[in-house]
Amino acid sequence: QPPGGERVFVASISWNGVTTYYADSVKGRFTVSRDDVKDTVYLL
């Protein structure tokens, strides 16, 4: 959610980490991942 703006989608990942999705504005720059053991999701 940018200043003065709405909350918008950036990236997502399936429950098993197999499939990822990205907004056009961040494709090629951002990477979403998850670690089941650590039970943590990341956005690089």
PDB file of all heavy atoms in Angstrom:
ATOM      1  N   GLN A   1       0.851  -1.179   0.000  1.00  0.00           N
ATOM      2  CA  GLN A   1       0.000   0.000   0.000  1.00  0.00           C
ATOM      3  C   GLN A   1       0.892   1.236   0.000  1.00  0.00           C
ATOM      4  O   GLN A   1       1.497   1.573   1.020  1.00  0.00           O
ATOM      5  CB  GLN A   1      -0.929   0.004   1.209  1.00  0.00           C
ATOM      6  CG  GLN A   1      -1.957   1.107   1.199  1.00  0.00           C
ATOM      7  CD  GLN A   1      -3.049   0.881   2.238  1.00  0.00           C
ATOM      8  OE1 GLN A   1      -2.973  -0.041   3.040  1.00  0.00           O
ATOM      9  NE2 GLN A   1      -4.069   1.716   2.213  1.00  0.00           N
ATOM     10  N   PRO A   2       0.984   1.919  -1.138  1.00  0.00           N
ATOM     11  CA  PRO A   2       1.810   3.128  -1.214  1.00  0.00           C
ATOM     12  C   PRO A   2       1.131   4.282  -0.497  1.00  0.00           C
ATOM     13  O   PRO A   2      -0.066   4.226  -0.201  1.00  0.00           O
ATOM     14  CB  PRO A   2       1.919   3.378  -2.721  1.00  0.00           C
ATOM     15  CG  PRO A   2       0.657   2.810  -3.275  1.00  0.00           C
ATOM     16  CD  PRO A   2       0.359   1.599  -2.425  1.00  0.00           C
ATOM     17  N   PRO A   3       1.869   5.354  -0.231  1.00  0.00           N
ATOM     18  CA  PRO A   3       1.268   6.521   0.417  1.00  0.00           C
ATOM     19  C   PRO A   3       0.082   7.048  -0.381  1.00  0.00           C
ATOM     20  O   PRO A   3       0.204   7.336  -1.575  1.00  0.00           O
ATOM     21  CB  PRO A   3       2.410   7.537   0.455  1.00  0.00           C
ATOM     22  CG  PRO A   3       3.653   6.706   0.419  1.00  0.00           C
ATOM     23  CD  PRO A   3       3.315   5.543  -0.461  1.00  0.00           C
ATOM     24  N   GLY A   4      -1.063   7.148   0.264  1.00  0.00           N
ATOM     25  CA  GLY A   4      -2.254   7.664  -0.386  1.00  0.00           C
ATOM     26  C   GLY A   4      -2.916   6.715  -1.351  1.00  0.00           C
ATOM     27  O   GLY A   4      -3.903   7.093  -1.999  1.00  0.00           O
ATOM     28  N   GLY A   5      -2.420   5.487  -1.476  1.00  0.00           N
ATOM     29  CA  GLY A   5      -2.951   4.542  -2.428  1.00  0.00           C
ATOM     30  C   GLY A   5      -3.659   3.365  -1.780  1.00  0.00           C
ATOM     31  O   GLY A   5      -3.781   3.276  -0.565  1.00  0.00           O
ATOM     32  N   GLU A   6      -4.138   2.464  -2.634  1.00  0.00           N
ATOM     33  CA  GLU A   6      -4.823   1.270  -2.170  1.00  0.00           C
ATOM     34  C   GLU A   6      -3.851   0.112  -1.992  1.00  0.00           C
ATOM     35  O   GLU A   6      -2.761   0.102  -2.566  1.00  0.00           O
ATOM     36  CB  GLU A   6      -5.915   0.863  -3.164  1.00  0.00           C
ATOM     37  CG  GLU A   6      -7.027   1.880  -3.327  1.00  0.00           C
ATOM     38  CD  GLU A   6      -8.114   1.390  -4.264  1.00  0.00           C
ATOM     39  OE1 GLU A   6      -7.980   0.279  -4.817  1.00  0.00           O
ATOM     40  OE2 GLU A   6      -9.106   2.110  -4.436  1.00  0.00           O
ATOM     41  N   ARG A   7      -4.271  -0.863  -1.219  1.00  0.00           N
ATOM     42  CA  ARG A   7      -3.483  -2.068  -1.023  1.00  0.00           C
ATOM     43  C   ARG A   7      -3.644  -2.963  -2.259  1.00  0.00           C
ATOM     44  O   ARG A   7      -4.755  -3.395  -2.581  1.00  0.00           O
ATOM     45  CB  ARG A   7      -3.930  -2.798   0.235  1.00  0.00           C
ATOM     46  CG  ARG A   7      -3.002  -3.908   0.675  1.00  0.00           C
ATOM     47  CD  ARG A   7      -3.443  -4.504   2.007  1.00  0.00           C
ATOM     48  NE  ARG A   7      -3.521  -3.499   3.063  1.00  0.00           N
ATOM     49  CZ  ARG A   7      -3.768  -3.780   4.328  1.00  0.00           C
ATOM     50  NH1 ARG A   7      -3.951  -5.035   4.713  1.00  0.00           N
ATOM     51  NH2 ARG A   7      -3.835  -2.803   5.222  1.00  0.00           N
ATOM     52  N   VAL A   8      -2.540  -3.243  -2.945  1.00  0.00           N
ATOM     53  CA  VAL A   8      -2.584  -3.976  -4.202  1.00  0.00           C
ATOM     54  C   VAL A   8      -1.688  -5.206  -4.162  1.00  0.00           C
ATOM     55  O   VAL A   8      -0.730  -5.278  -3.391  1.00  0.00           O
ATOM     56  CB  VAL A   8      -2.182  -3.085  -5.399  1.00  0.00           C
ATOM     57  CG1 VAL A   8      -3.165  -1.933  -5.566  1.00  0.00           C
ATOM     58  CG2 VAL A   8      -0.765  -2.554  -5.218  1.00  0.00           C
ATOM     59  N   PHE A   9      -1.983  -6.151  -5.028  1.00  0.00           N
ATOM     60  CA  PHE A   9      -1.261  -7.407  -5.120  1.00  0.00           C
ATOM     61  C   PHE A   9       0.153  -7.205  -5.620  1.00  0.00           C
ATOM     62  O   PHE A   9       0.391  -6.427  -6.551  1.00  0.00           O
ATOM     63  CB  PHE A   9      -2.013  -8.345  -6.064  1.00  0.00           C
ATOM     64  CG  PHE A   9      -1.294  -9.622  -6.370  1.00  0.00           C
ATOM     65  CD1 PHE A   9      -1.330 -10.685  -5.483  1.00  0.00           C
ATOM     66  CD2 PHE A   9      -0.590  -9.763  -7.550  1.00  0.00           C
ATOM     67  CE1 PHE A   9      -0.676 -11.864  -5.766  1.00  0.00           C
ATOM     68  CE2 PHE A   9       0.070 -10.933  -7.847  1.00  0.00           C
ATOM     69  CZ  PHE A   9       0.026 -11.989  -6.944  1.00  0.00           C
ATOM     70  N   VAL A  10       1.098  -7.921  -5.023  1.00  0.00           N
ATOM     71  CA  VAL A  10       2.488  -7.899  -5.442  1.00  0.00           C
ATOM     72  C   VAL A  10       2.938  -9.267  -5.944  1.00  0.00           C
ATOM     73  O   VAL A  10       3.453  -9.392  -7.054  1.00  0.00           O
ATOM     74  CB  VAL A  10       3.414  -7.443  -4.303  1.00  0.00           C
ATOM     75  CG1 VAL A  10       4.877  -7.542  -4.726  1.00  0.00           C
ATOM     76  CG2 VAL A  10       3.074  -6.020  -3.876  1.00  0.00           C
ATOM     77  N   ALA A  11       2.749 -10.303  -5.128  1.00  0.00           N
ATOM     78  CA  ALA A  11       3.207 -11.640  -5.471  1.00  0.00           C
ATOM     79  C   ALA A  11       2.485 -12.656  -4.606  1.00  0.00           C
ATOM     80  O   ALA A  11       1.986 -12.340  -3.529  1.00  0.00           O
ATOM     81  CB  ALA A  11       4.723 -11.769  -5.277  1.00  0.00           C
ATOM     82  N   SER A  12       2.454 -13.910  -5.072  1.00  0.00           N
ATOM     83  CA  SER A  12       1.851 -14.977  -4.289  1.00  0.00           C
ATOM     84  C   SER A  12       2.533 -16.298  -4.608  1.00  0.00           C
ATOM     85  O   SER A  12       3.219 -16.429  -5.623  1.00  0.00           O
ATOM     86  CB  SER A  12       0.342 -15.073  -4.529  1.00  0.00           C
ATOM     87  OG  SER A  12       0.057 -15.344  -5.886  1.00  0.00           O
ATOM     88  N   ILE A  13       2.307 -17.281  -3.744  1.00  0.00           N
ATOM     89  CA  ILE A  13       2.928 -18.586  -3.895  1.00  0.00           C
ATOM     90  C   ILE A  13       1.966 -19.653  -3.405  1.00  0.00           C
ATOM     91  O   ILE A  13       1.262 -19.466  -2.406  1.00  0.00           O
ATOM     92  CB  ILE A  13       4.276 -18.638  -3.138  1.00  0.00           C
ATOM     93  CG1 ILE A  13       5.014 -19.946  -3.416  1.00  0.00           C
ATOM     94  CG2 ILE A  13       4.067 -18.414  -1.642  1.00  0.00           C
ATOM     95  CD1 ILE A  13       6.467 -19.916  -2.944  1.00  0.00           C
ATOM     96  N   SER A  14       1.905 -20.778  -4.116  1.00  0.00           N
ATOM     97  CA  SER A  14       1.009 -21.860  -3.750  1.00  0.00           C
ATOM     98  C   SER A  14       1.439 -22.503  -2.443  1.00  0.00           C
ATOM     99  O   SER A  14       2.544 -22.274  -1.943  1.00  0.00           O
ATOM    100  CB  SER A  14       0.962 -22.902  -4.868  1.00  0.00           C
ATOM    101  OG  SER A  14       2.245 -23.467  -5.089  1.00  0.00           O
ATOM    102  N   TRP A  15       0.571 -23.332  -1.905  1.00  0.00           N
ATOM    103  CA  TRP A  15       0.836 -23.935  -0.598  1.00  0.00           C
ATOM    104  C   TRP A  15       2.102 -24.773  -0.579  1.00  0.00           C
ATOM    105  O   TRP A  15       2.777 -24.861   0.452  1.00  0.00           O
ATOM    106  CB  TRP A  15      -0.357 -24.799  -0.157  1.00  0.00           C
ATOM    107  CG  TRP A  15      -0.479 -26.083  -0.939  1.00  0.00           C
ATOM    108  CD1 TRP A  15      -1.119 -26.273  -2.124  1.00  0.00           C
ATOM    109  CD2 TRP A  15       0.075 -27.350  -0.578  1.00  0.00           C
ATOM    110  NE1 TRP A  15      -1.011 -27.575  -2.535  1.00  0.00           N
ATOM    111  CE2 TRP A  15      -0.282 -28.260  -1.604  1.00  0.00           C
ATOM    112  CE3 TRP A  15       0.827 -27.815   0.504  1.00  0.00           C
ATOM    113  CZ2 TRP A  15       0.100 -29.603  -1.576  1.00  0.00           C
ATOM    114  CZ3 TRP A  15       1.200 -29.152   0.539  1.00  0.00           C
ATOM    115  CH2 TRP A  15       0.837 -30.029  -0.496  1.00  0.00           C
ATOM    116  N   ASN A  16       2.437 -25.399  -1.714  1.00  0.00           N
ATOM    117  CA  ASN A  16       3.618 -26.257  -1.786  1.00  0.00           C
ATOM    118  C   ASN A  16       4.819 -25.571  -2.430  1.00  0.00           C
ATOM    119  O   ASN A  16       5.853 -26.203  -2.633  1.00  0.00           O
ATOM    120  CB  ASN A  16       3.299 -27.547  -2.539  1.00  0.00           C
ATOM    121  CG  ASN A  16       2.799 -27.304  -3.952  1.00  0.00           C
ATOM    122  OD1 ASN A  16       2.765 -26.180  -4.426  1.00  0.00           O
ATOM    123  ND2 ASN A  16       2.412 -28.378  -4.625  1.00  0.00           N
ATOM    124  N   GLY A  17       4.675 -24.296  -2.758  1.00  0.00           N
ATOM    125  CA  GLY A  17       5.772 -23.542  -3.323  1.00  0.00           C
ATOM    126  C   GLY A  17       6.048 -23.801  -4.786  1.00  0.00           C
ATOM    127  O   GLY A  17       7.023 -23.266  -5.329  1.00  0.00           O
ATOM    128  N   VAL A  18       5.200 -24.585  -5.454  1.00  0.00           N
ATOM    129  CA  VAL A  18       5.448 -24.957  -6.836  1.00  0.00           C
ATOM    130  C   VAL A  18       5.129 -23.815  -7.793  1.00  0.00           C
ATOM    131  O   VAL A  18       5.820 -23.631  -8.802  1.00  0.00           O
ATOM    132  CB  VAL A  18       4.637 -26.210  -7.207  1.00  0.00           C
ATOM    133  CG1 VAL A  18       4.691 -26.482  -8.705  1.00  0.00           C
ATOM    134  CG2 VAL A  18       5.161 -27.411  -6.428  1.00  0.00           C
ATOM    135  N   THR A  19       4.085 -23.049  -7.500  1.00  0.00           N
ATOM    136  CA  THR A  19       3.611 -22.027  -8.414  1.00  0.00           C
ATOM    137  C   THR A  19       3.720 -20.649  -7.779  1.00  0.00           C
ATOM    138  O   THR A  19       3.352 -20.465  -6.616  1.00  0.00           O
ATOM    139  CB  THR A  19       2.152 -22.289  -8.818  1.00  0.00           C
ATOM    140  OG1 THR A  19       2.008 -23.643  -9.250  1.00  0.00           O
ATOM    141  CG2 THR A  19       1.740 -21.365  -9.952  1.00  0.00           C
ATOM    142  N   THR A  20       4.225 -19.703  -8.547  1.00  0.00           N
ATOM    143  CA  THR A  20       4.314 -18.319  -8.088  1.00  0.00           C
ATOM    144  C   THR A  20       3.675 -17.383  -9.096  1.00  0.00           C
ATOM    145  O   THR A  20       3.604 -17.686 -10.295  1.00  0.00           O
ATOM    146  CB  THR A  20       5.766 -17.886  -7.855  1.00  0.00           C
ATOM    147  OG1 THR A  20       6.517 -18.064  -9.064  1.00  0.00           O
ATOM    148  CG2 THR A  20       6.406 -18.717  -6.747  1.00  0.00           C
ATOM    149  N   TYR A  21       3.229 -16.229  -8.616  1.00  0.00           N
ATOM    150  CA  TYR A  21       2.599 -15.219  -9.451  1.00  0.00           C
ATOM    151  C   TYR A  21       3.125 -13.855  -9.050  1.00  0.00           C
ATOM    152  O   TYR A  21       3.422 -13.608  -7.880  1.00  0.00           O
ATOM    153  CB  TYR A  21       1.079 -15.250  -9.294  1.00  0.00           C
ATOM    154  CG  TYR A  21       0.451 -16.583  -9.612  1.00  0.00           C
ATOM    155  CD1 TYR A  21       0.273 -17.547  -8.626  1.00  0.00           C
ATOM    156  CD2 TYR A  21       0.039 -16.882 -10.907  1.00  0.00           C
ATOM    157  CE1 TYR A  21      -0.292 -18.778  -8.916  1.00  0.00           C
ATOM    158  CE2 TYR A  21      -0.533 -18.111 -11.204  1.00  0.00           C
ATOM    159  CZ  TYR A  21      -0.696 -19.057 -10.208  1.00  0.00           C
ATOM    160  OH  TYR A  21      -1.260 -20.274 -10.500  1.00  0.00           O
ATOM    161  N   TYR A  22       3.196 -12.947 -10.028  1.00  0.00           N
ATOM    162  CA  TYR A  22       3.726 -11.618  -9.781  1.00  0.00           C
ATOM    163  C   TYR A  22       2.922 -10.563 -10.513  1.00  0.00           C
ATOM    164  O   TYR A  22       2.451 -10.784 -11.632  1.00  0.00           O
ATOM    165  CB  TYR A  22       5.181 -11.518 -10.241  1.00  0.00           C
ATOM    166  CG  TYR A  22       6.108 -12.478  -9.527  1.00  0.00           C
ATOM    167  CD1 TYR A  22       6.391 -13.725 -10.065  1.00  0.00           C
ATOM    168  CD2 TYR A  22       6.693 -12.119  -8.316  1.00  0.00           C
ATOM    169  CE1 TYR A  22       7.232 -14.599  -9.400  1.00  0.00           C
ATOM    170  CE2 TYR A  22       7.536 -12.993  -7.653  1.00  0.00           C
ATOM    171  CZ  TYR A  22       7.803 -14.233  -8.197  1.00  0.00           C
ATOM    172  OH  TYR A  22       8.641 -15.105  -7.541  1.00  0.00           O
ATOM    173  N   ALA A  23       2.786  -9.418  -9.879  1.00  0.00           N
ATOM    174  CA  ALA A  23       2.255  -8.260 -10.568  1.00  0.00           C
ATOM    175  C   ALA A  23       3.233  -7.831 -11.654  1.00  0.00           C
ATOM    176  O   ALA A  23       4.455  -7.986 -11.508  1.00  0.00           O
ATOM    177  CB  ALA A  23       2.019  -7.108  -9.586  1.00  0.00           C
ATOM    178  N   ASP A  24       2.710  -7.290 -12.744  1.00  0.00           N
ATOM    179  CA  ASP A  24       3.567  -6.874 -13.849  1.00  0.00           C
ATOM    180  C   ASP A  24       4.628  -5.863 -13.405  1.00  0.00           C
ATOM    181  O   ASP A  24       5.738  -5.846 -13.935  1.00  0.00           O
ATOM    182  CB  ASP A  24       2.728  -6.273 -14.976  1.00  0.00           C
ATOM    183  CG  ASP A  24       1.915  -7.312 -15.723  1.00  0.00           C
ATOM    184  OD1 ASP A  24       2.243  -8.510 -15.630  1.00  0.00           O
ATOM    185  OD2 ASP A  24       0.953  -6.921 -16.408  1.00  0.00           O
ATOM    186  N   SER A  25       4.294  -5.049 -12.437  1.00  0.00           N
ATOM    187  CA  SER A  25       5.197  -4.000 -11.995  1.00  0.00           C
ATOM    188  C   SER A  25       6.454  -4.524 -11.308  1.00  0.00           C
ATOM    189  O   SER A  25       7.438  -3.790 -11.189  1.00  0.00           O
ATOM    190  CB  SER A  25       4.465  -3.040 -11.052  1.00  0.00           C
ATOM    191  OG  SER A  25       3.953  -3.735  -9.923  1.00  0.00           O
ATOM    192  N   VAL A  26       6.441  -5.791 -10.862  1.00  0.00           N
ATOM    193  CA  VAL A  26       7.588  -6.326 -10.130  1.00  0.00           C
ATOM    194  C   VAL A  26       8.203  -7.548 -10.793  1.00  0.00           C
ATOM    195  O   VAL A  26       9.223  -8.056 -10.305  1.00  0.00           O
ATOM    196  CB  VAL A  26       7.216  -6.665  -8.667  1.00  0.00           C
ATOM    197  CG1 VAL A  26       6.614  -5.455  -7.975  1.00  0.00           C
ATOM    198  CG2 VAL A  26       6.266  -7.861  -8.606  1.00  0.00           C
ATOM    199  N   LYS A  27       7.640  -8.026 -11.893  1.00  0.00           N
ATOM    200  CA  LYS A  27       8.188  -9.197 -12.577  1.00  0.00           C
ATOM    201  C   LYS A  27       9.629  -8.957 -12.994  1.00  0.00           C
ATOM    202  O   LYS A  27       9.966  -7.911 -13.531  1.00  0.00           O
ATOM    203  CB  LYS A  27       7.347  -9.540 -13.803  1.00  0.00           C
ATOM    204  CG  LYS A  27       6.030 -10.222 -13.495  1.00  0.00           C
ATOM    205  CD  LYS A  27       5.271 -10.566 -14.764  1.00  0.00           C
ATOM    206  CE  LYS A  27       3.960 -11.255 -14.447  1.00  0.00           C
ATOM    207  NZ  LYS A  27       3.176 -11.553 -15.664  1.00  0.00           N
ATOM    208  N   GLY A  28      10.459  -9.953 -12.732  1.00  0.00           N
ATOM    209  CA  GLY A  28      11.871  -9.846 -13.052  1.00  0.00           C
ATOM    210  C   GLY A  28      12.695  -9.179 -11.981  1.00  0.00           C
ATOM    211  O   GLY A  28      13.935  -9.203 -12.054  1.00  0.00           O
ATOM    212  N   ARG A  29      12.049  -8.586 -10.982  1.00  0.00           N
ATOM    213  CA  ARG A  29      12.770  -7.897  -9.919  1.00  0.00           C
ATOM    214  C   ARG A  29      12.533  -8.542  -8.551  1.00  0.00           C
ATOM    215  O   ARG A  29      13.439  -8.589  -7.730  1.00  0.00           O
ATOM    216  CB  ARG A  29      12.363  -6.425  -9.846  1.00  0.00           C
ATOM    217  CG  ARG A  29      12.669  -5.642 -11.120  1.00  0.00           C
ATOM    218  CD  ARG A  29      12.464  -4.146 -10.907  1.00  0.00           C
ATOM    219  NE  ARG A  29      11.077  -3.814 -10.574  1.00  0.00           N
ATOM    220  CZ  ARG A  29      10.700  -3.198  -9.449  1.00  0.00           C
ATOM    221  NH1 ARG A  29      11.610  -2.831  -8.553  1.00  0.00           N
ATOM    222  NH2 ARG A  29       9.415  -2.925  -9.238  1.00  0.00           N
ATOM    223  N   PHE A  30      11.319  -9.015  -8.308  1.00  0.00           N
ATOM    224  CA  PHE A  30      10.955  -9.604  -7.018  1.00  0.00           C
ATOM    225  C   PHE A  30      10.837 -11.118  -7.147  1.00  0.00           C
ATOM    226  O   PHE A  30      10.441 -11.637  -8.203  1.00  0.00           O
ATOM    227  CB  PHE A  30       9.622  -9.053  -6.519  1.00  0.00           C
ATOM    228  CG  PHE A  30       9.633  -7.607  -6.094  1.00  0.00           C
ATOM    229  CD1 PHE A  30      10.705  -6.779  -6.372  1.00  0.00           C
ATOM    230  CD2 PHE A  30       8.544  -7.087  -5.408  1.00  0.00           C
ATOM    231  CE1 PHE A  30      10.708  -5.451  -5.987  1.00  0.00           C
ATOM    232  CE2 PHE A  30       8.529  -5.762  -5.008  1.00  0.00           C
ATOM    233  CZ  PHE A  30       9.609  -4.936  -5.305  1.00  0.00           C
ATOM    234  N   THR A  31      11.140 -11.823  -6.063  1.00  0.00           N
ATOM    235  CA  THR A  31      10.997 -13.267  -6.009  1.00  0.00           C
ATOM    236  C   THR A  31      10.339 -13.668  -4.696  1.00  0.00           C
ATOM    237  O   THR A  31      10.807 -13.280  -3.625  1.00  0.00           O
ATOM    238  CB  THR A  31      12.353 -13.977  -6.127  1.00  0.00           C
ATOM    239  OG1 THR A  31      13.004 -13.595  -7.343  1.00  0.00           O
ATOM    240  CG2 THR A  31      12.162 -15.494  -6.118  1.00  0.00           C
ATOM    241  N   VAL A  32       9.265 -14.436  -4.779  1.00  0.00           N
ATOM    242  CA  VAL A  32       8.595 -14.937  -3.587  1.00  0.00           C
ATOM    243  C   VAL A  32       8.963 -16.402  -3.396  1.00  0.00           C
ATOM    244  O   VAL A  32       9.051 -17.161  -4.369  1.00  0.00           O
ATOM    245  CB  VAL A  32       7.063 -14.748  -3.682  1.00  0.00           C
ATOM    246  CG1 VAL A  32       6.471 -15.521  -4.854  1.00  0.00           C
ATOM    247  CG2 VAL A  32       6.392 -15.148  -2.376  1.00  0.00           C
ATOM    248  N   SER A  33       9.200 -16.803  -2.165  1.00  0.00           N
ATOM    249  CA  SER A  33       9.546 -18.180  -1.854  1.00  0.00           C
ATOM    250  C   SER A  33       9.023 -18.531  -0.469  1.00  0.00           C
ATOM    251  O   SER A  33       8.582 -17.657   0.280  1.00  0.00           O
ATOM    252  CB  SER A  33      11.066 -18.390  -1.929  1.00  0.00           C
ATOM    253  OG  SER A  33      11.737 -17.574  -0.985  1.00  0.00           O
ATOM    254  N   ARG A  34       9.070 -19.820  -0.144  1.00  0.00           N
ATOM    255  CA  ARG A  34       8.646 -20.240   1.188  1.00  0.00           C
ATOM    256  C   ARG A  34       9.468 -21.425   1.647  1.00  0.00           C
ATOM    257  O   ARG A  34       9.964 -22.217   0.834  1.00  0.00           O
ATOM    258  CB  ARG A  34       7.145 -20.552   1.221  1.00  0.00           C
ATOM    259  CG  ARG A  34       6.720 -21.772   0.429  1.00  0.00           C
ATOM    260  CD  ARG A  34       5.191 -21.846   0.314  1.00  0.00           C
ATOM    261  NE  ARG A  34       4.541 -21.862   1.615  1.00  0.00           N
ATOM    262  CZ  ARG A  34       3.247 -21.605   1.826  1.00  0.00           C
ATOM    263  NH1 ARG A  34       2.459 -21.301   0.800  1.00  0.00           N
ATOM    264  NH2 ARG A  34       2.745 -21.643   3.055  1.00  0.00           N
ATOM    265  N   ASP A  35       9.580 -21.552   2.955  1.00  0.00           N
ATOM    266  CA  ASP A  35      10.336 -22.614   3.590  1.00  0.00           C
ATOM    267  C   ASP A  35       9.399 -23.313   4.564  1.00  0.00           C
ATOM    268  O   ASP A  35       9.026 -22.736   5.587  1.00  0.00           O
ATOM    269  CB  ASP A  35      11.564 -22.054   4.307  1.00  0.00           C
ATOM    270  CG  ASP A  35      12.483 -23.125   4.856  1.00  0.00           C
ATOM    271  OD1 ASP A  35      11.990 -24.154   5.355  1.00  0.00           O
ATOM    272  OD2 ASP A  35      13.711 -22.932   4.798  1.00  0.00           O
ATOM    273  N   ASP A  36       9.020 -24.550   4.253  1.00  0.00           N
ATOM    274  CA  ASP A  36       8.060 -25.273   5.089  1.00  0.00           C
ATOM    275  C   ASP A  36       8.623 -25.597   6.471  1.00  0.00           C
ATOM    276  O   ASP A  36       7.888 -25.578   7.462  1.00  0.00           O
ATOM    277  CB  ASP A  36       7.627 -26.565   4.396  1.00  0.00           C
ATOM    278  CG  ASP A  36       6.724 -26.328   3.208  1.00  0.00           C
ATOM    279  OD1 ASP A  36       6.156 -25.219   3.105  1.00  0.00           O
ATOM    280  OD2 ASP A  36       6.578 -27.252   2.390  1.00  0.00           O
ATOM    281  N   VAL A  37       9.910 -25.911   6.530  1.00  0.00           N
ATOM    282  CA  VAL A  37      10.521 -26.252   7.809  1.00  0.00           C
ATOM    283  C   VAL A  37      10.523 -25.040   8.740  1.00  0.00           C
ATOM    284  O   VAL A  37      10.185 -25.145   9.923  1.00  0.00           O
ATOM    285  CB  VAL A  37      11.944 -26.789   7.610  1.00  0.00           C
ATOM    286  CG1 VAL A  37      12.619 -27.016   8.960  1.00  0.00           C
ATOM    287  CG2 VAL A  37      11.914 -28.072   6.807  1.00  0.00           C
ATOM    288  N   LYS A  38      10.900 -23.893   8.196  1.00  0.00           N
ATOM    289  CA  LYS A  38      10.925 -22.662   8.984  1.00  0.00           C
ATOM    290  C   LYS A  38       9.552 -22.012   9.085  1.00  0.00           C
ATOM    291  O   LYS A  38       9.364 -21.090   9.886  1.00  0.00           O
ATOM    292  CB  LYS A  38      11.913 -21.674   8.383  1.00  0.00           C
ATOM    293  CG  LYS A  38      13.355 -22.146   8.409  1.00  0.00           C
ATOM    294  CD  LYS A  38      14.287 -21.104   7.795  1.00  0.00           C
ATOM    295  CE  LYS A  38      15.725 -21.566   7.838  1.00  0.00           C
ATOM    296  NZ  LYS A  38      16.644 -20.574   7.219  1.00  0.00           N
ATOM    297  N   ASP A  39       8.614 -22.495   8.257  1.00  0.00           N
ATOM    298  CA  ASP A  39       7.264 -21.944   8.216  1.00  0.00           C
ATOM    299  C   ASP A  39       7.325 -20.433   7.986  1.00  0.00           C
ATOM    300  O   ASP A  39       6.681 -19.643   8.682  1.00  0.00           O
ATOM    301  CB  ASP A  39       6.506 -22.257   9.506  1.00  0.00           C
ATOM    302  CG  ASP A  39       4.997 -22.198   9.337  1.00  0.00           C
ATOM    303  OD1 ASP A  39       4.522 -22.053   8.193  1.00  0.00           O
ATOM    304  OD2 ASP A  39       4.284 -22.306  10.352  1.00  0.00           O
ATOM    305  N   THR A  40       8.104 -20.053   6.981  1.00  0.00           N
ATOM    306  CA  THR A  40       8.351 -18.655   6.687  1.00  0.00           C
ATOM    307  C   THR A  40       8.215 -18.412   5.187  1.00  0.00           C
ATOM    308  O   THR A  40       8.617 -19.252   4.378  1.00  0.00           O
ATOM    309  CB  THR A  40       9.748 -18.225   7.152  1.00  0.00           C
ATOM    310  OG1 THR A  40       9.857 -18.431   8.568  1.00  0.00           O
ATOM    311  CG2 THR A  40      10.011 -16.766   6.846  1.00  0.00           C
ATOM    312  N   VAL A  41       7.656 -17.270   4.835  1.00  0.00           N
ATOM    313  CA  VAL A  41       7.539 -16.826   3.455  1.00  0.00           C
ATOM    314  C   VAL A  41       8.435 -15.609   3.268  1.00  0.00           C
ATOM    315  O   VAL A  41       8.541 -14.759   4.159  1.00  0.00           O
ATOM    316  CB  VAL A  41       6.086 -16.489   3.098  1.00  0.00           C
ATOM    317  CG1 VAL A  41       5.970 -16.084   1.628  1.00  0.00           C
ATOM    318  CG2 VAL A  41       5.182 -17.674   3.384  1.00  0.00           C
ATOM    319  N   TYR A  42       9.075 -15.524   2.106  1.00  0.00           N
ATOM    320  CA  TYR A  42      10.025 -14.456   1.831  1.00  0.00           C
ATOM    321  C   TYR A  42       9.623 -13.691   0.575  1.00  0.00           C
ATOM    322  O   TYR A  42       9.003 -14.233  -0.333  1.00  0.00           O
ATOM    323  CB  TYR A  42      11.433 -15.003   1.627  1.00  0.00           C
ATOM    324  CG  TYR A  42      11.947 -15.824   2.777  1.00  0.00           C
ATOM    325  CD1 TYR A  42      11.817 -17.206   2.778  1.00  0.00           C
ATOM    326  CD2 TYR A  42      12.562 -15.216   3.863  1.00  0.00           C
ATOM    327  CE1 TYR A  42      12.291 -17.959   3.832  1.00  0.00           C
ATOM    328  CE2 TYR A  42      13.035 -15.962   4.922  1.00  0.00           C
ATOM    329  CZ  TYR A  42      12.903 -17.339   4.897  1.00  0.00           C
ATOM    330  OH  TYR A  42      13.376 -18.088   5.949  1.00  0.00           O
ATOM    331  N   LEU A  43      10.015 -12.441   0.536  1.00  0.00           N
ATOM    332  CA  LEU A  43       9.922 -11.640  -0.675  1.00  0.00           C
ATOM    333  C   LEU A  43      11.274 -10.975  -0.887  1.00  0.00           C
ATOM    334  O   LEU A  43      11.639 -10.055  -0.150  1.00  0.00           O
ATOM    335  CB  LEU A  43       8.815 -10.588  -0.576  1.00  0.00           C
ATOM    336  CG  LEU A  43       8.580  -9.777  -1.851  1.00  0.00           C
ATOM    337  CD1 LEU A  43       8.007 -10.672  -2.951  1.00  0.00           C
ATOM    338  CD2 LEU A  43       7.651  -8.599  -1.592  1.00  0.00           C
ATOM    339  N   LEU A  44      12.002 -11.465  -1.881  1.00  0.00           N
ATOM    340  CA  LEU A  44      13.283 -10.875  -2.245  1.00  0.00           C
ATOM    341  C   LEU A  44      13.020  -9.782  -3.264  1.00  0.00           C
ATOM    342  O   LEU A  44      12.460 -10.044  -4.328  1.00  0.00           O
ATOM    343  CB  LEU A  44      14.215 -11.935  -2.822  1.00  0.00           C
ATOM    344  CG  LEU A  44      15.519 -11.444  -3.456  1.00  0.00           C
ATOM    345  CD1 LEU A  44      16.369 -10.695  -2.443  1.00  0.00           C
ATOM    346  CD2 LEU A  44      16.289 -12.610  -4.052  1.00  0.00           C
TER     347      LEU A  44
END
